[in-house]
Protein backbone atom coordinates (compact mmCIF):
# COMPACT_ATOMS: atom_id res chain seq x y z
CA MET A 1 -30.98 -48.76 -16.19
CA ASN A 2 -29.08 -50.60 -18.97
CA ALA A 3 -27.78 -54.17 -18.69
CA MET A 4 -24.17 -53.15 -18.00
CA THR A 5 -25.21 -50.67 -15.30
CA GLU A 6 -27.40 -53.36 -13.72
CA ALA A 7 -24.52 -55.85 -13.88
CA SER A 8 -22.16 -53.32 -12.32
CA ALA A 9 -24.62 -52.59 -9.52
CA LEU A 10 -25.12 -56.29 -8.88
CA SER A 11 -21.37 -56.85 -8.91
CA ALA A 12 -20.77 -54.07 -6.40
CA ALA A 13 -23.54 -55.35 -4.14
CA ASN A 14 -22.22 -58.92 -4.17
CA ALA A 15 -18.47 -58.18 -4.52
CA VAL A 16 -18.30 -60.52 -7.54
CA PRO A 17 -16.51 -59.37 -10.70
CA VAL A 18 -18.62 -58.92 -13.84
CA HIS A 19 -17.01 -59.33 -17.26
CA ASP A 20 -18.55 -58.44 -20.60
CA ALA A 21 -18.34 -61.49 -22.91
CA ASN A 22 -17.99 -59.25 -25.98
CA ARG A 23 -14.93 -57.61 -24.46
CA LEU A 24 -13.46 -61.01 -23.56
CA THR A 25 -13.86 -62.15 -27.17
CA GLU A 26 -12.68 -58.76 -28.48
CA GLY A 27 -15.78 -58.53 -30.67
CA GLY A 28 -15.40 -62.06 -32.04
CA GLN A 29 -17.14 -65.29 -31.14
CA THR A 30 -14.51 -67.06 -28.98
CA ALA A 31 -12.06 -66.43 -26.18
CA HIS A 32 -9.58 -68.77 -24.55
CA ILE A 33 -9.42 -68.85 -20.76
CA HIS A 34 -6.49 -70.37 -18.88
CA LEU A 35 -7.04 -71.81 -15.38
CA ASN A 36 -4.68 -74.03 -13.37
CA GLY A 37 -2.85 -75.34 -16.42
CA GLN A 38 -6.09 -76.04 -18.34
CA LEU A 39 -7.24 -74.14 -21.41
CA TYR A 40 -10.97 -73.49 -21.86
CA CYS A 41 -12.87 -72.06 -24.79
CA LEU A 42 -15.68 -69.56 -24.23
CA ARG A 43 -17.95 -69.30 -27.27
CA ILE A 44 -20.86 -66.99 -28.06
CA THR A 45 -23.49 -68.82 -30.13
CA ARG A 46 -25.65 -67.42 -32.94
CA VAL A 47 -28.50 -66.97 -30.45
CA ASN A 48 -26.23 -65.13 -27.95
CA LYS A 49 -25.80 -67.97 -25.46
CA LEU A 50 -22.46 -68.77 -23.86
CA ILE A 51 -20.77 -72.16 -24.03
CA LEU A 52 -17.64 -72.96 -22.00
CA THR A 53 -15.71 -76.08 -23.04
CA LYS A 54 -12.39 -77.68 -22.22
C-alpha cells in the first residue's frame, strides 16, 4: 500500500480530511493558509519536513 492510499484509508477510518502538501503548494515549497482573518505560511523544508508559521 502506498503512502497516499494509507493516508486515504486512515482518513476514511477516522473521518479526518487528508491533504497532500505537494498539492497545497502546487509543486513549490510554500502555501498560504487563511484562517479566521489570520494568514499562515506552510513551508516544505529541504529535508521534507513541514513548518507552519504565522
